[in-house]
Amino acid sequence: MLTLAALALAGCGQSAKKQADDLGSVAAEGALVAHDASEGSTTDNFTRVHGRALRDLAKKVRDQPATPRLGQLAGRIVSDLDELADNPGDERRAGRIQRDLERAAKQANAL
């Protein structure tokens, strides 16, 4: 899934709908990583590396958003993924981040 998201986010000048779809995918995948981290069922290294890779994808939208609303949403996703990557062993925090990213994915898919 990460590879598809990387390809999707690679182009600049994307439409708002495409960026929203891409953000929804990144947030959903981030929520899955956070879920695994919250249950202690993944390594800290995997959580850190995967969280940073997803963060970098969301940064591409944050840095060149098609709309201000997408820029704000991307900024929240970037922040959540940064926090997850910086605190991979904090299961409680990962649970909160999971819920935040699930909400962000729903918001992105509603745009």
PDB file of N, CA and C in Angstrom:
ATOM      1  N   MET A   1       0.824  -1.184   0.000  1.00  0.00           N
ATOM      2  CA  MET A   1       0.000   0.000   0.000  1.00  0.00           C
ATOM      3  C   MET A   1       0.870   1.251   0.000  1.00  0.00           C
ATOM      4  N   LEU A   2       1.979   1.222   0.741  1.00  0.00           N
ATOM      5  CA  LEU A   2       2.867   2.372   0.807  1.00  0.00           C
ATOM      6  C   LEU A   2       3.391   2.738  -0.570  1.00  0.00           C
ATOM      7  N   THR A   3       3.724   1.765  -1.370  1.00  0.00           N
ATOM      8  CA  THR A   3       4.234   2.033  -2.711  1.00  0.00           C
ATOM      9  C   THR A   3       3.190   2.739  -3.557  1.00  0.00           C
ATOM     10  N   LEU A   4       1.951   2.303  -3.473  1.00  0.00           N
ATOM     11  CA  LEU A   4       0.887   2.966  -4.233  1.00  0.00           C
ATOM     12  C   LEU A   4       0.706   4.400  -3.774  1.00  0.00           C
ATOM     13  N   ALA A   5       0.754   4.622  -2.478  1.00  0.00           N
ATOM     14  CA  ALA A   5       0.609   5.985  -1.967  1.00  0.00           C
ATOM     15  C   ALA A   5       1.777   6.848  -2.421  1.00  0.00           C
ATOM     16  N   ALA A   6       2.975   6.285  -2.427  1.00  0.00           N
ATOM     17  CA  ALA A   6       4.147   7.045  -2.861  1.00  0.00           C
ATOM     18  C   ALA A   6       4.011   7.477  -4.308  1.00  0.00           C
ATOM     19  N   LEU A   7       3.555   6.564  -5.145  1.00  0.00           N
ATOM     20  CA  LEU A   7       3.367   6.906  -6.550  1.00  0.00           C
ATOM     21  C   LEU A   7       2.272   7.946  -6.723  1.00  0.00           C
ATOM     22  N   ALA A   8       1.227   7.822  -5.952  1.00  0.00           N
ATOM     23  CA  ALA A   8       0.102   8.738  -6.073  1.00  0.00           C
ATOM     24  C   ALA A   8       0.480  10.145  -5.635  1.00  0.00           C
ATOM     25  N   LEU A   9       1.296  10.247  -4.589  1.00  0.00           N
ATOM     26  CA  LEU A   9       1.659  11.556  -4.070  1.00  0.00           C
ATOM     27  C   LEU A   9       2.848  12.177  -4.792  1.00  0.00           C
ATOM     28  N   ALA A  10       3.493  11.431  -5.669  1.00  0.00           N
ATOM     29  CA  ALA A  10       4.720  11.901  -6.298  1.00  0.00           C
ATOM     30  C   ALA A  10       4.501  13.108  -7.206  1.00  0.00           C
ATOM     31  N   GLY A  11       3.369  13.180  -7.866  1.00  0.00           N
ATOM     32  CA  GLY A  11       3.139  14.280  -8.792  1.00  0.00           C
ATOM     33  C   GLY A  11       2.698  15.551  -8.099  1.00  0.00           C
ATOM     34  N   CYS A  12       3.149  16.685  -8.626  1.00  0.00           N
ATOM     35  CA  CYS A  12       2.683  17.935  -8.053  1.00  0.00           C
ATOM     36  C   CYS A  12       1.562  18.482  -8.931  1.00  0.00           C
ATOM     37  N   GLY A  13       0.838  19.452  -8.418  1.00  0.00           N
ATOM     38  CA  GLY A  13      -0.258  20.032  -9.164  1.00  0.00           C
ATOM     39  C   GLY A  13      -1.466  19.119  -9.240  1.00  0.00           C
ATOM     40  N   GLN A  14      -1.624  18.256  -8.249  1.00  0.00           N
ATOM     41  CA  GLN A  14      -2.746  17.332  -8.233  1.00  0.00           C
ATOM     42  C   GLN A  14      -4.044  18.054  -7.906  1.00  0.00           C
ATOM     43  N   SER A  15      -5.134  17.448  -8.312  1.00  0.00           N
ATOM     44  CA  SER A  15      -6.446  18.001  -7.987  1.00  0.00           C
ATOM     45  C   SER A  15      -6.724  17.822  -6.507  1.00  0.00           C
ATOM     46  N   ALA A  16      -7.662  18.612  -6.005  1.00  0.00           N
ATOM     47  CA  ALA A  16      -8.041  18.511  -4.596  1.00  0.00           C
ATOM     48  C   ALA A  16      -8.570  17.119  -4.277  1.00  0.00           C
ATOM     49  N   LYS A  17      -9.350  16.547  -5.163  1.00  0.00           N
ATOM     50  CA  LYS A  17      -9.911  15.211  -4.927  1.00  0.00           C
ATOM     51  C   LYS A  17      -8.804  14.167  -4.839  1.00  0.00           C
ATOM     52  N   LYS A  18      -7.833  14.239  -5.723  1.00  0.00           N
ATOM     53  CA  LYS A  18      -6.718  13.283  -5.724  1.00  0.00           C
ATOM     54  C   LYS A  18      -5.906  13.426  -4.438  1.00  0.00           C
ATOM     55  N   GLN A  19      -5.627  14.655  -4.037  1.00  0.00           N
ATOM     56  CA  GLN A  19      -4.880  14.869  -2.800  1.00  0.00           C
ATOM     57  C   GLN A  19      -5.666  14.357  -1.597  1.00  0.00           C
ATOM     58  N   ALA A  20      -6.965  14.588  -1.583  1.00  0.00           N
ATOM     59  CA  ALA A  20      -7.794  14.104  -0.476  1.00  0.00           C
ATOM     60  C   ALA A  20      -7.775  12.580  -0.416  1.00  0.00           C
ATOM     61  N   ASP A  21      -7.889  11.944  -1.567  1.00  0.00           N
ATOM     62  CA  ASP A  21      -7.831  10.476  -1.616  1.00  0.00           C
ATOM     63  C   ASP A  21      -6.482   9.962  -1.118  1.00  0.00           C
ATOM     64  N   ASP A  22      -5.421  10.614  -1.552  1.00  0.00           N
ATOM     65  CA  ASP A  22      -4.079  10.202  -1.140  1.00  0.00           C
ATOM     66  C   ASP A  22      -3.884  10.388   0.368  1.00  0.00           C
ATOM     67  N   LEU A  23      -4.350  11.524   0.893  1.00  0.00           N
ATOM     68  CA  LEU A  23      -4.244  11.753   2.341  1.00  0.00           C
ATOM     69  C   LEU A  23      -5.057  10.721   3.117  1.00  0.00           C
ATOM     70  N   GLY A  24      -6.219  10.389   2.603  1.00  0.00           N
ATOM     71  CA  GLY A  24      -7.039   9.371   3.255  1.00  0.00           C
ATOM     72  C   GLY A  24      -6.312   8.042   3.332  1.00  0.00           C
ATOM     73  N   SER A  25      -5.633   7.671   2.265  1.00  0.00           N
ATOM     74  CA  SER A  25      -4.875   6.418   2.238  1.00  0.00           C
ATOM     75  C   SER A  25      -3.699   6.447   3.209  1.00  0.00           C
ATOM     76  N   VAL A  26      -2.970   7.550   3.224  1.00  0.00           N
ATOM     77  CA  VAL A  26      -1.823   7.680   4.130  1.00  0.00           C
ATOM     78  C   VAL A  26      -2.291   7.641   5.588  1.00  0.00           C
ATOM     79  N   ALA A  27      -3.360   8.369   5.897  1.00  0.00           N
ATOM     80  CA  ALA A  27      -3.866   8.384   7.272  1.00  0.00           C
ATOM     81  C   ALA A  27      -4.369   7.008   7.694  1.00  0.00           C
ATOM     82  N   ALA A  28      -5.049   6.315   6.793  1.00  0.00           N
ATOM     83  CA  ALA A  28      -5.553   4.973   7.112  1.00  0.00           C
ATOM     84  C   ALA A  28      -4.401   4.003   7.362  1.00  0.00           C
ATOM     85  N   GLU A  29      -3.381   4.071   6.537  1.00  0.00           N
ATOM     86  CA  GLU A  29      -2.240   3.189   6.741  1.00  0.00           C
ATOM     87  C   GLU A  29      -1.503   3.554   8.031  1.00  0.00           C
ATOM     88  N   GLY A  30      -1.396   4.849   8.308  1.00  0.00           N
ATOM     89  CA  GLY A  30      -0.777   5.284   9.562  1.00  0.00           C
ATOM     90  C   GLY A  30      -1.564   4.784  10.764  1.00  0.00           C
ATOM     91  N   ALA A  31      -2.892   4.784  10.657  1.00  0.00           N
ATOM     92  CA  ALA A  31      -3.730   4.280  11.746  1.00  0.00           C
ATOM     93  C   ALA A  31      -3.469   2.795  11.982  1.00  0.00           C
ATOM     94  N   LEU A  32      -3.242   2.039  10.916  1.00  0.00           N
ATOM     95  CA  LEU A  32      -2.927   0.619  11.073  1.00  0.00           C
ATOM     96  C   LEU A  32      -1.592   0.420  11.782  1.00  0.00           C
ATOM     97  N   VAL A  33      -0.611   1.210  11.420  1.00  0.00           N
ATOM     98  CA  VAL A  33       0.695   1.124  12.078  1.00  0.00           C
ATOM     99  C   VAL A  33       0.542   1.502  13.556  1.00  0.00           C
ATOM    100  N   ALA A  34      -0.210   2.565  13.818  1.00  0.00           N
ATOM    101  CA  ALA A  34      -0.425   2.993  15.206  1.00  0.00           C
ATOM    102  C   ALA A  34      -1.177   1.927  15.997  1.00  0.00           C
ATOM    103  N   HIS A  35      -2.144   1.281  15.363  1.00  0.00           N
ATOM    104  CA  HIS A  35      -2.882   0.198  16.031  1.00  0.00           C
ATOM    105  C   HIS A  35      -1.930  -0.906  16.459  1.00  0.00           C
ATOM    106  N   ASP A  36      -1.080  -1.351  15.550  1.00  0.00           N
ATOM    107  CA  ASP A  36      -0.126  -2.399  15.884  1.00  0.00           C
ATOM    108  C   ASP A  36       0.814  -1.951  17.004  1.00  0.00           C
ATOM    109  N   ALA A  37       1.247  -0.689  16.944  1.00  0.00           N
ATOM    110  CA  ALA A  37       2.123  -0.172  17.996  1.00  0.00           C
ATOM    111  C   ALA A  37       1.392  -0.103  19.335  1.00  0.00           C
ATOM    112  N   SER A  38       0.116   0.236  19.310  1.00  0.00           N
ATOM    113  CA  SER A  38      -0.647   0.335  20.559  1.00  0.00           C
ATOM    114  C   SER A  38      -0.845  -1.025  21.220  1.00  0.00           C
ATOM    115  N   GLU A  39      -0.783  -2.067  20.426  1.00  0.00           N
ATOM    116  CA  GLU A  39      -0.933  -3.420  20.972  1.00  0.00           C
ATOM    117  C   GLU A  39       0.417  -4.090  21.222  1.00  0.00           C
ATOM    118  N   GLY A  40       1.497  -3.400  20.909  1.00  0.00           N
ATOM    119  CA  GLY A  40       2.820  -3.966  21.097  1.00  0.00           C
ATOM    120  C   GLY A  40       3.121  -5.104  20.141  1.00  0.00           C
ATOM    121  N   SER A  41       2.427  -5.128  19.005  1.00  0.00           N
ATOM    122  CA  SER A  41       2.586  -6.240  18.069  1.00  0.00           C
ATOM    123  C   SER A  41       3.494  -5.913  16.890  1.00  0.00           C
ATOM    124  N   THR A  42       4.293  -4.870  17.024  1.00  0.00           N
ATOM    125  CA  THR A  42       5.268  -4.524  15.994  1.00  0.00           C
ATOM    126  C   THR A  42       6.522  -4.006  16.684  1.00  0.00           C
ATOM    127  N   THR A  43       7.599  -3.966  15.959  1.00  0.00           N
ATOM    128  CA  THR A  43       8.837  -3.471  16.558  1.00  0.00           C
ATOM    129  C   THR A  43       8.860  -1.941  16.553  1.00  0.00           C
ATOM    130  N   ASP A  44       9.613  -1.390  17.488  1.00  0.00           N
ATOM    131  CA  ASP A  44       9.774   0.062  17.520  1.00  0.00           C
ATOM    132  C   ASP A  44      10.400   0.557  16.229  1.00  0.00           C
ATOM    133  N   ASN A  45      11.364  -0.189  15.716  1.00  0.00           N
ATOM    134  CA  ASN A  45      12.036   0.229  14.488  1.00  0.00           C
ATOM    135  C   ASN A  45      11.067   0.288  13.314  1.00  0.00           C
ATOM    136  N   PHE A  46      10.196  -0.727  13.175  1.00  0.00           N
ATOM    137  CA  PHE A  46       9.215  -0.713  12.094  1.00  0.00           C
ATOM    138  C   PHE A  46       8.293   0.497  12.225  1.00  0.00           C
ATOM    139  N   THR A  47       7.802   0.744  13.436  1.00  0.00           N
ATOM    140  CA  THR A  47       6.900   1.876  13.664  1.00  0.00           C
ATOM    141  C   THR A  47       7.591   3.185  13.319  1.00  0.00           C
ATOM    142  N   ARG A  48       8.828   3.325  13.734  1.00  0.00           N
ATOM    143  CA  ARG A  48       9.580   4.557  13.481  1.00  0.00           C
ATOM    144  C   ARG A  48       9.792   4.768  11.976  1.00  0.00           C
ATOM    145  N   VAL A  49      10.281   3.767  11.301  1.00  0.00           N
ATOM    146  CA  VAL A  49      10.612   3.900   9.871  1.00  0.00           C
ATOM    147  C   VAL A  49       9.348   4.071   9.029  1.00  0.00           C
ATOM    148  N   HIS A  50       8.345   3.259   9.290  1.00  0.00           N
ATOM    149  CA  HIS A  50       7.113   3.338   8.501  1.00  0.00           C
ATOM    150  C   HIS A  50       6.371   4.652   8.776  1.00  0.00           C
ATOM    151  N   GLY A  51       6.362   5.070  10.038  1.00  0.00           N
ATOM    152  CA  GLY A  51       5.735   6.351  10.383  1.00  0.00           C
ATOM    153  C   GLY A  51       6.392   7.514   9.659  1.00  0.00           C
ATOM    154  N   ARG A  52       7.705   7.501   9.586  1.00  0.00           N
ATOM    155  CA  ARG A  52       8.422   8.575   8.888  1.00  0.00           C
ATOM    156  C   ARG A  52       8.185   8.537   7.385  1.00  0.00           C
ATOM    157  N   ALA A  53       8.121   7.348   6.826  1.00  0.00           N
ATOM    158  CA  ALA A  53       7.861   7.234   5.381  1.00  0.00           C
ATOM    159  C   ALA A  53       6.476   7.779   5.045  1.00  0.00           C
ATOM    160  N   LEU A  54       5.482   7.430   5.859  1.00  0.00           N
ATOM    161  CA  LEU A  54       4.131   7.944   5.630  1.00  0.00           C
ATOM    162  C   LEU A  54       4.085   9.456   5.851  1.00  0.00           C
ATOM    163  N   ARG A  55       4.789   9.921   6.876  1.00  0.00           N
ATOM    164  CA  ARG A  55       4.858  11.368   7.136  1.00  0.00           C
ATOM    165  C   ARG A  55       5.391  12.109   5.923  1.00  0.00           C
ATOM    166  N   ASP A  56       6.428  11.576   5.316  1.00  0.00           N
ATOM    167  CA  ASP A  56       7.023  12.232   4.145  1.00  0.00           C
ATOM    168  C   ASP A  56       6.032  12.326   2.993  1.00  0.00           C
ATOM    169  N   LEU A  57       5.175  11.324   2.842  1.00  0.00           N
ATOM    170  CA  LEU A  57       4.149  11.373   1.797  1.00  0.00           C
ATOM    171  C   LEU A  57       3.132  12.473   2.092  1.00  0.00           C
ATOM    172  N   ALA A  58       2.708  12.571   3.346  1.00  0.00           N
ATOM    173  CA  ALA A  58       1.735  13.603   3.716  1.00  0.00           C
ATOM    174  C   ALA A  58       2.343  15.005   3.595  1.00  0.00           C
ATOM    175  N   LYS A  59       3.643  15.126   3.827  1.00  0.00           N
ATOM    176  CA  LYS A  59       4.313  16.427   3.698  1.00  0.00           C
ATOM    177  C   LYS A  59       4.203  16.981   2.288  1.00  0.00           C
ATOM    178  N   LYS A  60       4.178  16.101   1.304  1.00  0.00           N
ATOM    179  CA  LYS A  60       4.094  16.561  -0.081  1.00  0.00           C
ATOM    180  C   LYS A  60       2.787  17.306  -0.329  1.00  0.00           C
ATOM    181  N   VAL A  61       1.713  16.853   0.284  1.00  0.00           N
ATOM    182  CA  VAL A  61       0.440  17.569   0.157  1.00  0.00           C
ATOM    183  C   VAL A  61       0.466  18.818   1.024  1.00  0.00           C
ATOM    184  N   ARG A  62       0.990  18.692   2.241  1.00  0.00           N
ATOM    185  CA  ARG A  62       1.044  19.850   3.138  1.00  0.00           C
ATOM    186  C   ARG A  62       1.823  21.005   2.503  1.00  0.00           C
ATOM    187  N   ASP A  63       2.898  20.670   1.799  1.00  0.00           N
ATOM    188  CA  ASP A  63       3.757  21.699   1.211  1.00  0.00           C
ATOM    189  C   ASP A  63       3.196  22.310  -0.068  1.00  0.00           C
ATOM    190  N   GLN A  64       2.289  21.595  -0.760  1.00  0.00           N
ATOM    191  CA  GLN A  64       1.678  22.110  -1.987  1.00  0.00           C
ATOM    192  C   GLN A  64       0.210  21.694  -2.047  1.00  0.00           C
ATOM    193  N   PRO A  65      -0.581  22.160  -1.090  1.00  0.00           N
ATOM    194  CA  PRO A  65      -1.989  21.735  -1.062  1.00  0.00           C
ATOM    195  C   PRO A  65      -2.810  22.396  -2.169  1.00  0.00           C
ATOM    196  N   ALA A  66      -3.779  21.646  -2.661  1.00  0.00           N
ATOM    197  CA  ALA A  66      -4.694  22.190  -3.666  1.00  0.00           C
ATOM    198  C   ALA A  66      -5.663  23.182  -3.024  1.00  0.00           C
ATOM    199  N   THR A  67      -5.943  23.007  -1.735  1.00  0.00           N
ATOM    200  CA  THR A  67      -6.813  23.923  -0.996  1.00  0.00           C
ATOM    201  C   THR A  67      -6.243  24.123   0.407  1.00  0.00           C
ATOM    202  N   PRO A  68      -6.577  25.239   1.056  1.00  0.00           N
ATOM    203  CA  PRO A  68      -6.115  25.441   2.433  1.00  0.00           C
ATOM    204  C   PRO A  68      -6.587  24.336   3.386  1.00  0.00           C
ATOM    205  N   ARG A  69      -7.783  23.859   3.177  1.00  0.00           N
ATOM    206  CA  ARG A  69      -8.325  22.796   4.048  1.00  0.00           C
ATOM    207  C   ARG A  69      -7.479  21.522   3.948  1.00  0.00           C
ATOM    208  N   LEU A  70      -7.066  21.177   2.747  1.00  0.00           N
ATOM    209  CA  LEU A  70      -6.192  20.020   2.566  1.00  0.00           C
ATOM    210  C   LEU A  70      -4.837  20.246   3.225  1.00  0.00           C
ATOM    211  N   GLY A  71      -4.345  21.457   3.153  1.00  0.00           N
ATOM    212  CA  GLY A  71      -3.078  21.787   3.802  1.00  0.00           C
ATOM    213  C   GLY A  71      -3.152  21.618   5.309  1.00  0.00           C
ATOM    214  N   GLN A  72      -4.270  22.044   5.901  1.00  0.00           N
ATOM    215  CA  GLN A  72      -4.456  21.882   7.349  1.00  0.00           C
ATOM    216  C   GLN A  72      -4.560  20.415   7.728  1.00  0.00           C
ATOM    217  N   LEU A  73      -5.331  19.665   6.982  1.00  0.00           N
ATOM    218  CA  LEU A  73      -5.493  18.242   7.266  1.00  0.00           C
ATOM    219  C   LEU A  73      -4.159  17.519   7.119  1.00  0.00           C
ATOM    220  N   ALA A  74      -3.432  17.820   6.067  1.00  0.00           N
ATOM    221  CA  ALA A  74      -2.119  17.207   5.864  1.00  0.00           C
ATOM    222  C   ALA A  74      -1.176  17.557   7.011  1.00  0.00           C
ATOM    223  N   GLY A  75      -1.252  18.791   7.491  1.00  0.00           N
ATOM    224  CA  GLY A  75      -0.421  19.203   8.624  1.00  0.00           C
ATOM    225  C   GLY A  75      -0.712  18.401   9.879  1.00  0.00           C
ATOM    226  N   ARG A  76      -1.991  18.132  10.131  1.00  0.00           N
ATOM    227  CA  ARG A  76      -2.367  17.316  11.299  1.00  0.00           C
ATOM    228  C   ARG A  76      -1.869  15.883  11.140  1.00  0.00           C
ATOM    229  N   ILE A  77      -1.985  15.355   9.935  1.00  0.00           N
ATOM    230  CA  ILE A  77      -1.520  13.987   9.680  1.00  0.00           C
ATOM    231  C   ILE A  77      -0.002  13.914   9.856  1.00  0.00           C
ATOM    232  N   VAL A  78       0.713  14.886   9.327  1.00  0.00           N
ATOM    233  CA  VAL A  78       2.168  14.939   9.475  1.00  0.00           C
ATOM    234  C   VAL A  78       2.537  14.972  10.958  1.00  0.00           C
ATOM    235  N   SER A  79       1.852  15.810  11.715  1.00  0.00           N
ATOM    236  CA  SER A  79       2.131  15.924  13.150  1.00  0.00           C
ATOM    237  C   SER A  79       1.900  14.601  13.872  1.00  0.00           C
ATOM    238  N   ASP A  80       0.784  13.942  13.578  1.00  0.00           N
ATOM    239  CA  ASP A  80       0.489  12.651  14.208  1.00  0.00           C
ATOM    240  C   ASP A  80       1.543  11.604  13.847  1.00  0.00           C
ATOM    241  N   LEU A  81       1.924  11.553  12.589  1.00  0.00           N
ATOM    242  CA  LEU A  81       2.910  10.556  12.165  1.00  0.00           C
ATOM    243  C   LEU A  81       4.288  10.852  12.733  1.00  0.00           C
ATOM    244  N   ASP A  82       4.634  12.133  12.880  1.00  0.00           N
ATOM    245  CA  ASP A  82       5.885  12.510  13.548  1.00  0.00           C
ATOM    246  C   ASP A  82       5.881  12.011  14.990  1.00  0.00           C
ATOM    247  N   GLU A  83       4.776  12.264  15.680  1.00  0.00           N
ATOM    248  CA  GLU A  83       4.661  11.851  17.075  1.00  0.00           C
ATOM    249  C   GLU A  83       4.762  10.332  17.209  1.00  0.00           C
ATOM    250  N   LEU A  84       4.124   9.611  16.307  1.00  0.00           N
ATOM    251  CA  LEU A  84       4.195   8.152  16.326  1.00  0.00           C
ATOM    252  C   LEU A  84       5.633   7.682  16.106  1.00  0.00           C
ATOM    253  N   ALA A  85       6.296   8.247  15.104  1.00  0.00           N
ATOM    254  CA  ALA A  85       7.668   7.840  14.788  1.00  0.00           C
ATOM    255  C   ALA A  85       8.641   8.193  15.916  1.00  0.00           C
ATOM    256  N   ASP A  86       8.392   9.298  16.598  1.00  0.00           N
ATOM    257  CA  ASP A  86       9.279   9.736  17.679  1.00  0.00           C
ATOM    258  C   ASP A  86       9.045   8.980  18.984  1.00  0.00           C
ATOM    259  N   ASN A  87       7.899   8.315  19.114  1.00  0.00           N
ATOM    260  CA  ASN A  87       7.542   7.602  20.347  1.00  0.00           C
ATOM    261  C   ASN A  87       7.000   6.213  20.025  1.00  0.00           C
ATOM    262  N   PRO A  88       7.770   5.395  19.327  1.00  0.00           N
ATOM    263  CA  PRO A  88       7.239   4.126  18.830  1.00  0.00           C
ATOM    264  C   PRO A  88       6.854   3.118  19.914  1.00  0.00           C
ATOM    265  N   GLY A  89       7.425   3.231  21.093  1.00  0.00           N
ATOM    266  CA  GLY A  89       7.137   2.267  22.145  1.00  0.00           C
ATOM    267  C   GLY A  89       6.055   2.691  23.110  1.00  0.00           C
ATOM    268  N   ASP A  90       5.484   3.861  22.910  1.00  0.00           N
ATOM    269  CA  ASP A  90       4.448   4.389  23.809  1.00  0.00           C
ATOM    270  C   ASP A  90       3.084   3.890  23.338  1.00  0.00           C
ATOM    271  N   GLU A  91       2.634   2.783  23.913  1.00  0.00           N
ATOM    272  CA  GLU A  91       1.406   2.140  23.456  1.00  0.00           C
ATOM    273  C   GLU A  91       0.169   3.015  23.660  1.00  0.00           C
ATOM    274  N   ARG A  92       0.108   3.704  24.768  1.00  0.00           N
ATOM    275  CA  ARG A  92      -1.051   4.571  25.031  1.00  0.00           C
ATOM    276  C   ARG A  92      -1.133   5.713  24.015  1.00  0.00           C
ATOM    277  N   ARG A  93       0.003   6.331  23.777  1.00  0.00           N
ATOM    278  CA  ARG A  93       0.058   7.425  22.797  1.00  0.00           C
ATOM    279  C   ARG A  93      -0.295   6.908  21.405  1.00  0.00           C
ATOM    280  N   ALA A  94       0.191   5.723  21.066  1.00  0.00           N
ATOM    281  CA  ALA A  94      -0.102   5.135  19.754  1.00  0.00           C
ATOM    282  C   ALA A  94      -1.602   4.910  19.589  1.00  0.00           C
ATOM    283  N   GLY A  95      -2.288   4.522  20.662  1.00  0.00           N
ATOM    284  CA  GLY A  95      -3.735   4.342  20.597  1.00  0.00           C
ATOM    285  C   GLY A  95      -4.454   5.643  20.291  1.00  0.00           C
ATOM    286  N   ARG A  96      -4.014   6.733  20.915  1.00  0.00           N
ATOM    287  CA  ARG A  96      -4.608   8.050  20.643  1.00  0.00           C
ATOM    288  C   ARG A  96      -4.333   8.476  19.209  1.00  0.00           C
ATOM    289  N   ILE A  97      -3.107   8.249  18.762  1.00  0.00           N
ATOM    290  CA  ILE A  97      -2.740   8.611  17.392  1.00  0.00           C
ATOM    291  C   ILE A  97      -3.551   7.788  16.397  1.00  0.00           C
ATOM    292  N   GLN A  98      -3.765   6.530  16.703  1.00  0.00           N
ATOM    293  CA  GLN A  98      -4.596   5.693  15.831  1.00  0.00           C
ATOM    294  C   GLN A  98      -5.970   6.318  15.637  1.00  0.00           C
ATOM    295  N   ARG A  99      -6.600   6.718  16.733  1.00  0.00           N
ATOM    296  CA  ARG A  99      -7.936   7.330  16.640  1.00  0.00           C
ATOM    297  C   ARG A  99      -7.897   8.641  15.859  1.00  0.00           C
ATOM    298  N   ASP A 100      -6.866   9.445  16.095  1.00  0.00           N
ATOM    299  CA  ASP A 100      -6.724  10.713  15.359  1.00  0.00           C
ATOM    300  C   ASP A 100      -6.574  10.466  13.857  1.00  0.00           C
ATOM    301  N   LEU A 101      -5.753   9.493  13.506  1.00  0.00           N
ATOM    302  CA  LEU A 101      -5.536   9.207  12.090  1.00  0.00           C
ATOM    303  C   LEU A 101      -6.767   8.589  11.442  1.00  0.00           C
ATOM    304  N   GLU A 102      -7.518   7.798  12.184  1.00  0.00           N
ATOM    305  CA  GLU A 102      -8.775   7.259  11.644  1.00  0.00           C
ATOM    306  C   GLU A 102      -9.749   8.389  11.331  1.00  0.00           C
ATOM    307  N   ARG A 103      -9.833   9.376  12.236  1.00  0.00           N
ATOM    308  CA  ARG A 103     -10.691  10.545  11.988  1.00  0.00           C
ATOM    309  C   ARG A 103     -10.203  11.321  10.771  1.00  0.00           C
ATOM    310  N   ALA A 104      -8.900  11.500  10.678  1.00  0.00           N
ATOM    311  CA  ALA A 104      -8.321  12.239   9.545  1.00  0.00           C
ATOM    312  C   ALA A 104      -8.616  11.521   8.224  1.00  0.00           C
ATOM    313  N   ALA A 105      -8.538  10.204   8.231  1.00  0.00           N
ATOM    314  CA  ALA A 105      -8.832   9.441   7.009  1.00  0.00           C
ATOM    315  C   ALA A 105     -10.285   9.646   6.602  1.00  0.00           C
ATOM    316  N   LYS A 106     -11.193   9.615   7.566  1.00  0.00           N
ATOM    317  CA  LYS A 106     -12.607   9.838   7.261  1.00  0.00           C
ATOM    318  C   LYS A 106     -12.839  11.252   6.729  1.00  0.00           C
ATOM    319  N   GLN A 107     -12.174  12.225   7.335  1.00  0.00           N
ATOM    320  CA  GLN A 107     -12.314  13.612   6.868  1.00  0.00           C
ATOM    321  C   GLN A 107     -11.797  13.755   5.446  1.00  0.00           C
ATOM    322  N   ALA A 108     -10.644  13.165   5.168  1.00  0.00           N
ATOM    323  CA  ALA A 108     -10.058  13.249   3.831  1.00  0.00           C
ATOM    324  C   ALA A 108     -10.975  12.600   2.799  1.00  0.00           C
ATOM    325  N   ASN A 109     -11.552  11.468   3.153  1.00  0.00           N
ATOM    326  CA  ASN A 109     -12.416  10.766   2.207  1.00  0.00           C
ATOM    327  C   ASN A 109     -13.743  11.483   2.002  1.00  0.00           C
ATOM    328  N   ALA A 110     -14.106  12.373   2.922  1.00  0.00           N
ATOM    329  CA  ALA A 110     -15.344  13.130   2.782  1.00  0.00           C
ATOM    330  C   ALA A 110     -15.162  14.390   1.937  1.00  0.00           C
ATOM    331  N   LEU A 111     -13.910  14.756   1.661  1.00  0.00           N
ATOM    332  CA  LEU A 111     -13.652  15.981   0.878  1.00  0.00           C
ATOM    333  C   LEU A 111     -13.879  15.753  -0.608  1.00  0.00           C
TER     334      LEU A 111
END
